[in-house]
Protein backbone atom coordinates (compact mmCIF):
# COMPACT_ATOMS: atom_id res chain seq x y z
CA UNK A 1 -24.79 0.26 -13.04
CA UNK A 2 -23.17 -1.35 -16.09
CA UNK A 3 -23.53 1.90 -18.07
CA UNK A 4 -22.02 3.90 -15.21
CA UNK A 5 -25.33 5.66 -14.43
CA UNK A 6 -24.74 5.26 -10.73
CA UNK A 7 -27.15 7.83 -9.32
CA UNK A 8 -30.03 6.42 -11.35
CA UNK A 9 -29.06 2.91 -10.26
CA UNK A 10 -29.10 4.03 -6.63
CA UNK A 11 -32.56 5.56 -7.05
CA UNK A 12 -33.90 2.28 -8.47
CA UNK A 13 -32.36 0.15 -5.75
CA UNK A 14 -33.67 2.47 -3.04
CA UNK A 15 -37.15 2.18 -4.56
CA UNK A 16 -36.81 -1.60 -4.45
CA UNK A 17 -35.87 -1.45 -0.76
CA UNK A 18 -39.17 0.34 -0.12
CA UNK A 19 -41.42 -1.76 -2.34
CA UNK A 20 -39.96 -5.28 -2.06
CA UNK A 21 -39.81 -7.71 0.86
CA UNK A 22 -37.82 -10.74 1.99
CA UNK A 23 -34.66 -11.69 0.10
CA UNK A 24 -35.44 -9.26 -2.75
CA UNK A 25 -35.44 -6.35 -0.32
CA UNK A 26 -32.16 -7.43 1.31
CA UNK A 27 -30.56 -7.89 -2.13
CA UNK A 28 -31.65 -4.37 -3.05
CA UNK A 29 -30.13 -3.07 0.20
CA UNK A 30 -26.79 -4.71 -0.66
CA UNK A 31 -26.89 -3.36 -4.22
CA UNK A 32 -27.70 0.13 -2.97
CA UNK A 33 -24.74 -0.08 -0.59
CA UNK A 34 -22.47 -1.14 -3.47
CA UNK A 35 -23.55 1.85 -5.59
CA UNK A 36 -23.14 4.19 -2.61
CA UNK A 37 -19.58 2.91 -2.23
CA UNK A 38 -18.87 3.42 -5.93
CA UNK A 39 -20.16 6.98 -5.67
CA UNK A 40 -17.53 7.65 -3.01
CA UNK A 41 -19.74 7.78 0.09
CA UNK A 42 -17.77 5.06 1.84
CA UNK A 43 -19.02 5.84 5.34
CA UNK A 44 -22.62 5.75 4.09
CA UNK A 45 -21.90 2.47 2.31
CA UNK A 46 -20.64 0.89 5.55
CA UNK A 47 -23.87 1.84 7.31
CA UNK A 48 -25.92 0.37 4.45
CA UNK A 49 -23.92 -2.88 4.31
CA UNK A 50 -24.23 -3.41 8.07
CA UNK A 51 -27.99 -2.77 7.91
CA UNK A 52 -28.33 -5.34 5.12
CA UNK A 53 -26.23 -7.92 7.00
CA UNK A 54 -28.38 -7.46 10.10
CA UNK A 55 -31.55 -8.30 8.12
CA UNK A 56 -30.02 -11.14 6.13
CA UNK A 57 -30.99 -14.80 6.73
CA UNK A 58 -28.47 -16.77 8.79
CA UNK A 59 -27.95 -19.14 5.86
CA UNK A 60 -27.27 -17.02 2.76
CA UNK A 61 -24.52 -18.80 0.74
CA UNK A 62 -24.12 -16.00 -1.81
CA UNK A 63 -25.61 -12.92 -0.25
CA UNK A 64 -23.69 -12.85 3.05
CA UNK A 65 -20.12 -13.42 1.76
CA UNK A 66 -20.79 -11.00 -1.13
CA UNK A 67 -21.93 -8.31 1.30
CA UNK A 68 -18.92 -8.92 3.56
CA UNK A 69 -16.49 -8.63 0.65
CA UNK A 70 -18.04 -5.35 -0.47
CA UNK A 71 -18.16 -4.08 3.12
CA UNK A 72 -14.42 -4.77 3.35
CA UNK A 73 -13.80 -2.62 0.28
CA UNK A 74 -15.64 0.31 1.85
CA UNK A 75 -13.72 -0.13 5.11
CA UNK A 76 -10.43 -0.18 3.19
CA UNK A 77 -11.28 3.13 1.55
CA UNK A 78 -11.95 4.54 5.02
CA UNK A 79 -8.52 3.37 6.14
CA UNK A 80 -9.90 0.84 8.65
CA UNK A 81 -7.70 -2.01 7.42
CA UNK A 82 -8.10 -4.13 10.54
CA UNK A 83 -11.89 -4.16 10.25
CA UNK A 84 -11.62 -4.71 6.49
CA UNK A 85 -9.37 -7.71 7.06
CA UNK A 86 -11.69 -9.07 9.77
CA UNK A 87 -14.79 -9.13 7.56
CA UNK A 88 -12.78 -10.72 4.76
CA UNK A 89 -11.79 -13.50 7.14
CA UNK A 90 -15.49 -14.01 7.87
CA UNK A 91 -16.18 -14.22 4.14
CA UNK A 92 -13.28 -16.61 3.59
CA UNK A 93 -14.62 -18.92 6.30
CA UNK A 94 -18.06 -18.92 4.65
CA UNK A 95 -16.46 -19.71 1.26
CA UNK A 96 -14.29 -22.57 2.51
CA UNK A 97 -16.80 -25.26 1.46
CA UNK A 98 -16.13 -27.16 -1.76
CA UNK A 99 -19.42 -26.03 -3.30
CA UNK A 100 -18.90 -22.34 -2.45
CA UNK A 101 -19.58 -19.94 -5.36
CA UNK A 102 -16.37 -19.66 -7.36
CA UNK A 103 -16.93 -16.05 -8.40
CA UNK A 104 -17.14 -15.03 -4.74
CA UNK A 105 -13.98 -16.98 -3.92
CA UNK A 106 -12.33 -14.95 -6.67
CA UNK A 107 -13.75 -11.67 -5.34
CA UNK A 108 -12.49 -12.47 -1.85
CA UNK A 109 -8.98 -13.09 -3.19
CA UNK A 110 -9.05 -9.77 -5.05
CA UNK A 111 -10.07 -7.94 -1.89
CA UNK A 112 -7.40 -9.74 0.16
CA UNK A 113 -4.89 -8.55 -2.43
CA UNK A 114 -6.10 -4.98 -1.99
CA UNK A 115 -5.52 -5.19 1.78
CA UNK A 116 -2.00 -6.52 1.19
CA UNK A 117 -1.32 -3.63 -1.21
CA UNK A 118 -2.60 -1.09 1.33
CA UNK A 119 -0.31 -2.64 3.95
CA UNK A 120 2.59 -2.58 1.46
CA UNK A 121 3.06 -6.34 1.79
CA UNK A 122 4.29 -6.61 -1.78
CA UNK A 123 5.35 -10.26 -1.82
CA UNK A 124 2.06 -11.39 -0.27
CA UNK A 125 0.12 -9.17 -2.68
CA UNK A 126 1.83 -10.76 -5.69
CA UNK A 127 1.06 -14.25 -4.39
CA UNK A 128 -2.61 -13.38 -3.85
CA UNK A 129 -2.87 -11.62 -7.21
CA UNK A 130 -1.51 -14.69 -9.00
CA UNK A 131 -3.99 -16.91 -7.16
CA UNK A 132 -6.86 -14.59 -8.03
CA UNK A 133 -5.73 -14.49 -11.67
CA UNK A 134 -6.04 -18.28 -11.80
CA UNK A 135 -9.41 -18.10 -10.03
CA UNK A 136 -10.68 -15.51 -12.53
CA UNK A 137 -9.88 -17.84 -15.41
CA UNK A 138 -11.91 -20.60 -13.77
CA UNK A 139 -14.79 -18.71 -12.21
CA UNK A 140 -15.20 -15.16 -13.56
CA UNK A 141 -13.29 -14.50 -16.84
CA UNK A 142 -14.90 -11.07 -17.35
CA UNK A 143 -13.19 -9.86 -14.15
CA UNK A 144 -9.66 -10.93 -15.07
CA UNK A 145 -8.65 -7.26 -15.36
CA UNK A 146 -8.73 -6.82 -11.58
CA UNK A 147 -5.95 -9.31 -10.68
CA UNK A 148 -3.94 -8.10 -13.67
CA UNK A 149 -4.11 -4.53 -12.35
CA UNK A 150 -3.19 -5.71 -8.85
CA UNK A 151 -0.14 -7.47 -10.30
CA UNK A 152 0.74 -4.25 -12.10
CA UNK A 153 0.52 -2.26 -8.85
CA UNK A 154 2.60 -4.70 -6.81
CA UNK A 155 5.32 -5.07 -9.45
CA UNK A 156 5.49 -1.31 -9.94
CA UNK A 157 6.01 -0.74 -6.23
CA UNK A 158 8.87 -3.24 -6.20
CA UNK A 159 10.64 -1.64 -9.15
CA UNK A 160 9.60 -3.85 -12.07
CA UNK A 161 8.21 -0.96 -14.07
CA UNK A 162 8.19 -2.55 -17.53
CA UNK A 163 6.45 -5.67 -16.21
CA UNK A 164 3.98 -3.47 -14.33
CA UNK A 165 3.12 -1.49 -17.46
CA UNK A 166 2.63 -4.73 -19.39
CA UNK A 167 0.19 -6.06 -16.77
CA UNK A 168 -1.68 -2.73 -16.76
CA UNK A 169 -2.09 -2.81 -20.54
CA UNK A 170 -3.32 -6.39 -20.32
CA UNK A 171 -5.85 -5.25 -17.71
CA UNK A 172 -7.00 -2.44 -20.00
CA UNK A 173 -7.55 -4.92 -22.85
CA UNK A 174 -9.40 -7.29 -20.52
CA UNK A 175 -11.80 -4.60 -19.29
CA UNK A 176 -12.37 -3.41 -22.87
CA UNK A 177 -13.19 -6.97 -23.99
CA UNK A 178 -15.66 -7.29 -21.10
CA UNK A 179 -17.24 -3.91 -21.89
CA UNK A 180 -16.53 -2.71 -18.35
CA UNK A 181 -16.47 1.10 -18.61
CA UNK A 182 -15.63 1.61 -14.94
CA UNK A 183 -12.80 -0.90 -15.21
CA UNK A 184 -11.45 0.84 -18.29
CA UNK A 185 -11.50 4.23 -16.58
CA UNK A 186 -9.91 2.92 -13.38
CA UNK A 187 -7.16 1.15 -15.31
CA UNK A 188 -6.44 4.24 -17.39
CA UNK A 189 -6.11 6.21 -14.19
CA UNK A 190 -3.92 3.58 -12.53
CA UNK A 191 -1.69 3.43 -15.59
CA UNK A 192 -1.51 7.24 -15.57
CA UNK A 193 -0.34 7.09 -11.95
CA UNK A 194 2.47 4.70 -12.88
CA UNK A 195 3.52 6.77 -15.88
CA UNK A 196 3.45 9.95 -13.79
CA UNK A 197 5.60 8.41 -11.08
CA UNK A 198 8.01 7.31 -13.82
CA UNK A 199 8.28 10.92 -15.03
CA UNK A 200 6.38 10.28 -18.28
CA UNK A 201 3.92 13.14 -17.89
CA UNK A 202 3.03 13.52 -21.57
CA UNK A 203 2.14 9.82 -21.81
CA UNK A 204 0.10 10.01 -18.61
CA UNK A 205 -2.01 13.09 -19.35
CA UNK A 206 -4.23 11.71 -22.17
CA UNK A 207 -5.11 8.64 -20.08
CA UNK A 208 -5.68 10.82 -17.06
CA UNK A 209 -8.06 13.21 -18.83
CA UNK A 210 -10.11 10.37 -20.35
CA UNK A 211 -10.52 8.75 -16.95
CA UNK A 212 -11.31 12.07 -15.26
CA UNK A 213 -14.08 12.80 -17.73
CA UNK A 214 -15.71 9.45 -16.91
CA UNK A 215 -15.46 9.82 -13.13
CA UNK A 216 -16.67 13.41 -13.07
CA UNK A 217 -19.67 12.50 -15.24
CA UNK A 218 -20.50 9.49 -13.07
CA UNK A 219 -20.05 11.42 -9.82
CA UNK A 220 -17.45 9.00 -8.47
CA UNK A 221 -15.86 11.34 -5.92
CA UNK A 222 -13.04 9.13 -4.70
CA UNK A 223 -11.70 8.34 -8.16
CA UNK A 224 -12.14 11.96 -9.21
CA UNK A 225 -10.02 12.90 -6.21
CA UNK A 226 -7.25 10.58 -7.38
CA UNK A 227 -7.31 12.29 -10.75
CA UNK A 228 -7.01 15.76 -9.20
CA UNK A 229 -4.12 14.55 -7.07
CA UNK A 230 -2.19 13.28 -10.09
CA UNK A 231 -2.84 16.51 -11.98
CA UNK A 232 -1.64 18.43 -8.95
CA UNK A 233 1.56 16.40 -8.86
CA UNK A 234 2.24 17.06 -12.55
CA UNK A 235 1.72 20.79 -11.98
CA UNK A 236 4.06 20.65 -8.97
CA UNK A 237 6.79 18.94 -10.99
CA UNK A 238 6.44 21.70 -13.58
CA UNK A 239 6.97 24.28 -10.79
CA UNK A 240 3.42 25.63 -11.15
CA UNK A 241 2.82 25.75 -7.41
CA UNK A 242 -0.43 27.74 -7.49
CA UNK A 243 -2.09 25.24 -9.86
CA UNK A 244 -0.68 22.34 -7.84
CA UNK A 245 -2.16 23.72 -4.62
CA UNK A 246 -5.58 24.24 -6.21
CA UNK A 247 -5.67 20.71 -7.61
CA UNK A 248 -4.43 19.15 -4.38
CA UNK A 249 -7.16 21.01 -2.48
CA UNK A 250 -9.75 19.70 -4.95
CA UNK A 251 -8.44 16.19 -4.36
CA UNK A 252 -8.47 16.63 -0.59
CA UNK A 253 -12.06 17.86 -0.72
CA UNK A 254 -13.15 14.78 -2.72
CA UNK A 255 -11.31 12.37 -0.41
CA UNK A 256 -12.62 13.88 2.79
CA UNK A 257 -16.18 13.97 1.42
CA UNK A 258 -15.97 10.28 0.56
CA UNK A 259 -14.19 9.30 3.78
CA UNK A 260 -11.06 8.07 1.95
CA UNK A 261 -8.86 9.09 4.85
CA UNK A 262 -5.58 7.46 3.76
CA UNK A 263 -5.79 9.12 0.35
CA UNK A 264 -6.48 12.40 2.13
CA UNK A 265 -3.30 11.90 4.18
CA UNK A 266 -1.29 11.28 1.01
CA UNK A 267 -2.54 14.55 -0.47
CA UNK A 268 -1.61 16.39 2.72
CA UNK A 269 1.97 15.16 2.25
CA UNK A 270 2.01 16.71 -1.22
CA UNK A 271 0.49 19.94 0.11
CA UNK A 272 3.26 20.03 2.73
CA UNK A 273 5.89 19.67 0.00
CA UNK A 274 4.39 22.58 -1.97
CA UNK A 275 4.21 24.67 1.21
CA UNK A 276 7.88 24.03 2.02
CA UNK A 277 8.89 24.90 -1.55
CA UNK A 278 6.96 28.18 -1.23
CA UNK A 279 8.58 28.95 2.14
CA UNK A 280 5.33 28.41 4.08
CA UNK A 281 6.93 26.18 6.70
CA UNK A 282 4.23 26.32 9.37
CA UNK A 283 1.60 25.24 6.85
CA UNK A 284 3.85 22.40 5.74
CA UNK A 285 4.42 21.21 9.31
CA UNK A 286 0.67 21.22 10.00
CA UNK A 287 -0.08 19.13 6.90
CA UNK A 288 2.65 16.59 7.76
CA UNK A 289 1.44 16.28 11.35
CA UNK A 290 -2.14 15.65 10.18
CA UNK A 291 -1.02 13.01 7.67
CA UNK A 292 1.21 11.21 10.17
CA UNK A 293 -1.57 11.07 12.76
CA UNK A 294 -3.81 9.35 10.23
CA UNK A 295 -1.15 6.74 9.38
CA UNK A 296 -0.23 6.10 13.02
CA UNK A 297 -3.84 5.70 14.18
CA UNK A 298 -4.33 2.99 11.56
CA UNK A 299 -1.17 1.06 12.35
CA UNK A 300 0.54 1.92 9.06
CA UNK A 301 4.06 2.02 10.47
CA UNK A 302 5.86 1.75 7.16
CA UNK A 303 3.98 4.77 5.82
CA UNK A 304 4.95 6.65 8.99
CA UNK A 305 8.60 5.78 8.32
CA UNK A 306 8.34 6.96 4.72
CA UNK A 307 6.69 10.20 5.84
CA UNK A 308 9.42 10.80 8.46
CA UNK A 309 12.09 10.23 5.81
CA UNK A 310 10.29 12.67 3.51
CA UNK A 311 9.97 15.16 6.35
CA UNK A 312 13.70 14.90 7.06
CA UNK A 313 14.38 15.69 3.42
CA UNK A 314 12.19 18.77 3.50
CA UNK A 315 14.15 20.06 6.49
CA UNK A 316 17.54 19.77 4.76
CA UNK A 317 17.73 23.36 3.41
CA UNK A 318 16.95 24.71 6.89
CA UNK A 319 18.96 22.63 9.37
CA UNK A 320 22.09 24.77 9.29
CA UNK A 321 20.27 28.09 9.65
CA UNK A 322 17.34 27.41 12.00
CA UNK A 323 18.43 26.94 15.66
CA UNK A 324 17.39 23.63 17.23
CA UNK A 325 16.23 22.06 13.96
CA UNK A 326 19.22 19.75 13.45
CA UNK A 327 18.49 17.44 16.44
CA UNK A 328 14.92 17.07 15.21
CA UNK A 329 16.14 16.19 11.72
CA UNK A 330 18.44 13.52 13.19
CA UNK A 331 15.55 12.12 15.25
CA UNK A 332 13.40 11.87 12.11
CA UNK A 333 16.02 10.56 9.71
CA UNK A 334 17.81 7.81 11.65
CA UNK A 335 14.85 5.69 12.88
CA UNK A 336 13.11 6.08 9.50
CA UNK A 337 16.24 4.96 7.64
CA UNK A 338 16.64 1.89 9.87
CA UNK A 339 12.99 0.91 9.36
CA UNK A 340 13.12 1.37 5.59
CA UNK A 341 16.42 -0.48 5.29
CA UNK A 342 15.01 -3.49 7.19
CA UNK A 343 12.20 -3.88 4.63
CA UNK A 344 14.66 -5.48 2.20
CA UNK A 345 14.66 -8.74 4.13
CA UNK A 346 10.88 -9.02 3.66
CA UNK A 347 11.07 -8.91 -0.15
CA UNK A 348 11.15 -12.26 -1.97
CA UNK A 349 13.96 -11.85 -4.46
CA UNK A 350 17.14 -9.98 -5.20
CA UNK A 351 15.75 -7.76 -7.95
CA UNK A 352 13.08 -6.35 -5.67
CA UNK A 353 15.55 -5.87 -2.81
CA UNK A 354 17.99 -4.06 -5.09
CA UNK A 355 15.26 -1.74 -6.34
CA UNK A 356 13.97 -1.00 -2.83
CA UNK A 357 17.53 -0.28 -1.69
CA UNK A 358 18.29 2.00 -4.63
CA UNK A 359 15.04 3.95 -4.58
CA UNK A 360 14.20 4.15 -0.88
CA UNK A 361 16.57 2.59 1.67
CA UNK A 362 19.85 3.98 0.35
CA UNK A 363 18.61 7.61 0.00
CA UNK A 364 17.13 7.36 3.51
CA UNK A 365 20.45 6.11 4.93
CA UNK A 366 22.28 8.94 3.15
CA UNK A 367 20.11 11.43 5.04
CA UNK A 368 20.86 9.61 8.29
CA UNK A 369 24.61 9.82 7.63
CA UNK A 370 24.42 13.47 6.57
CA UNK A 371 22.51 14.60 9.64
CA UNK A 372 24.67 12.52 12.00
CA UNK A 373 27.75 14.18 10.47
CA UNK A 374 26.27 17.68 10.68
CA UNK A 375 25.35 17.02 14.32
CA UNK A 376 28.94 16.01 15.06
CA UNK A 377 27.79 12.66 16.52
CA UNK A 378 30.88 10.54 15.88
CA UNK A 379 29.49 7.43 17.60
CA UNK A 380 26.31 7.54 15.53
CA UNK A 381 28.32 7.87 12.33
CA UNK A 382 30.57 4.97 13.38
CA UNK A 383 27.60 2.76 14.27
CA UNK A 384 25.92 3.52 10.96
CA UNK A 385 29.13 2.53 9.16
CA UNK A 386 29.41 -0.72 11.12
CA UNK A 387 25.78 -1.55 10.37
CA UNK A 388 26.06 -0.85 6.65
CA UNK A 389 29.29 -2.87 6.39
CA UNK A 390 27.96 -5.89 8.26
CA UNK A 391 26.77 -7.61 5.10
CA UNK A 392 23.64 -9.66 4.51
CA UNK A 393 22.33 -12.80 6.17
CA UNK A 394 21.17 -15.71 4.03
CA UNK A 395 18.06 -17.45 5.31
CA UNK A 396 19.04 -21.12 5.06
CA UNK A 397 15.65 -22.25 6.29
CA UNK A 398 13.93 -20.63 3.31
CA UNK A 399 16.58 -21.91 0.90
CA UNK A 400 16.12 -25.50 2.03
CA UNK A 401 12.33 -25.24 1.94
CA UNK A 402 11.80 -24.02 -1.61
CA UNK A 403 10.30 -27.29 -2.96
CA UNK A 404 6.52 -26.86 -3.05
CA UNK A 405 4.37 -29.53 -1.38
CA UNK A 406 2.39 -31.90 -3.60
CA UNK A 407 -0.94 -30.87 -2.06
CA UNK A 408 -1.05 -27.09 -2.21
CA UNK A 409 -3.28 -25.42 0.42
CA UNK A 410 -6.52 -23.83 -0.58
CA UNK A 411 -5.83 -20.13 -1.32
CA UNK A 412 -8.68 -19.13 0.97
CA UNK A 413 -7.29 -21.04 3.95
CA UNK A 414 -5.33 -18.89 6.42
CA UNK A 415 -1.62 -19.80 6.64
CA UNK A 416 -0.53 -21.99 9.54
CA UNK A 417 2.13 -20.38 11.74
CA UNK A 418 5.34 -22.40 11.73
CA UNK A 419 6.51 -23.80 15.07
CA UNK A 420 9.82 -25.11 13.74
CA UNK A 421 12.99 -23.64 15.26
CA UNK A 422 14.72 -21.07 13.09
CA UNK A 423 17.82 -22.52 11.44
CA UNK A 424 21.18 -20.87 11.88
CA UNK A 425 21.77 -18.38 9.10
CA UNK A 426 24.85 -17.74 7.02
CA UNK A 427 26.32 -14.23 7.22
CA UNK A 428 27.70 -12.86 3.98
CA UNK A 429 30.10 -9.95 3.65
CA UNK A 430 29.18 -7.02 1.47
CA UNK A 431 30.76 -8.45 -1.69
CA UNK A 432 29.00 -11.81 -1.43
CA UNK A 433 25.81 -10.03 -0.36
CA UNK A 434 25.70 -8.43 -3.80
CA UNK A 435 26.01 -11.90 -5.35
CA UNK A 436 23.16 -13.14 -3.16
CA UNK A 437 20.99 -10.21 -4.18
CA UNK A 438 21.70 -10.81 -7.85
CA UNK A 439 20.88 -14.50 -7.51
CA UNK A 440 17.65 -13.79 -5.69
CA UNK A 441 18.59 -15.83 -2.61
CA UNK A 442 16.29 -15.33 0.40
CA UNK A 443 17.76 -13.28 3.21
CA UNK A 444 17.00 -13.09 6.94
CA UNK A 445 16.31 -9.99 9.02
CA UNK A 446 19.54 -8.20 9.93
CA UNK A 447 21.17 -9.16 13.24
CA UNK A 448 22.36 -6.88 16.02
CA UNK A 449 25.99 -5.77 15.65
CA UNK A 450 28.33 -5.85 18.67
CA UNK A 451 30.99 -3.17 18.09
CA UNK A 452 34.56 -3.46 19.40
CA UNK A 453 36.26 -2.65 21.66
CA UNK A 454 33.51 -2.28 24.27
CA UNK A 455 31.03 -4.64 22.62
CA UNK A 456 28.13 -2.17 22.61
CA UNK A 457 25.24 -2.92 20.27
CA UNK A 458 25.37 -0.59 17.30
CA UNK A 459 22.42 1.81 17.14
CA UNK A 460 20.67 0.01 20.02
CA UNK A 461 18.72 3.07 21.20
CA UNK A 462 17.85 4.08 17.63
CA UNK A 463 16.64 0.57 16.75
CA UNK A 464 14.49 0.47 19.87
CA UNK A 465 13.05 3.89 19.05
CA UNK A 466 12.26 2.86 15.47
CA UNK A 467 10.60 -0.40 16.53
CA UNK A 468 8.46 1.45 19.04
CA UNK A 469 7.68 4.30 16.66
CA UNK A 470 6.70 2.20 13.65
CA UNK A 471 5.43 -0.98 15.30
CA UNK A 472 7.76 -3.18 13.24
CA UNK A 473 10.52 -5.54 14.28
CA UNK A 474 13.74 -4.45 12.59
CA UNK A 475 16.35 -6.92 13.86
CA UNK A 476 16.80 -10.64 14.38
CA UNK A 477 17.62 -11.90 17.87
CA UNK A 478 21.14 -12.92 16.78
CA UNK A 479 24.16 -10.82 17.69
CA UNK A 480 27.35 -10.84 15.60
CA UNK A 481 30.63 -9.06 16.21
CA UNK A 482 31.71 -6.34 13.83
């Protein structure tokens, strides 16, 4: 396994399952499941992990939590985040004792971070990654590259690109120092993803090719699929649509073979974009519908909103020439924009909110305005204006509660839901809202806006549609007058 000879490792472990008995046999079953997961057969790995857990002793302080943590990773690859979270909670409960193995406490934190990243809970992911970084230093120094790479991913997604690249390079050095060839290849690929998304294709390609050579040789289908997807994206950006389609199809094949269903949905979104660019609109619609079904079935509402926003953008060249398309574009753009705009209040500081607004929320709102204008819907335009001009709400409860307690909770303990009443918030106008964002002051979810002269709630039907469509609450209970 350490040399990356995964198929030979699997053969040896499978032999041990046949020839050994007792704890040795169960350990071999768990190890075989881990290798199966690394090889990209995530569905097969789940079956193997569950078989091992069923034969495991009731009291197995290391073996059971380790198997649960690895089972969660396989479930995450399959897109079953709820089940992945559930088995992690089981592992966390088993590791709550003071004498629990520290390396497994660290591994559980790393996996919890991965779930938070999948769910796009960036603030929570950064908190968990920092906790796991501290745990790595105490319990498993050779694995410090994993929390460093998780920090890189979370900071990149919230717009801190230079900090993200720095963390990724630290992770690369850490894996190299530990002699972890898989870690080196994964980090090269992850760094290539960040560089590609930043438009630095020439810097990304050498890292990408080195990683791809490793994954292809080792037969790691899921990671090989990621590489093909990135290469497809680079070809697409260079307007080489035929090459992009071929590489995206190669990626899709790898993801579907390994059961990495969320990654497969992401590739379908790229295939849809290529199809629209080539004028193959029916193919593009089919790919988008398949991707959205995958996100919706797994409760990934924010990804559904992002896909709807992307879909609305793809329709822009067609809305004024194709009969009946404009109302559909409005129906896609407005709820998606409201959902994406509301995410700002969930981010922990002003820099991240500003970046989210500039890169995602503001472009989405521009589409909403454009389509509302093209549709001639004066009330929708007016309500969008009132909403955008309403300013930002400071969260006084979070401001007053920034002093950390003396006894910090154990990072593996689940958070206790607060039962305190929510304090009144302070509403800032747009000018002071910019000051609040720059200062990094915490903000509350946006309120409902009562619009004069009739007092109707701005965008009420659209907000309700977005909350139902994406399964996310977008507004506070408060109502303020415009």
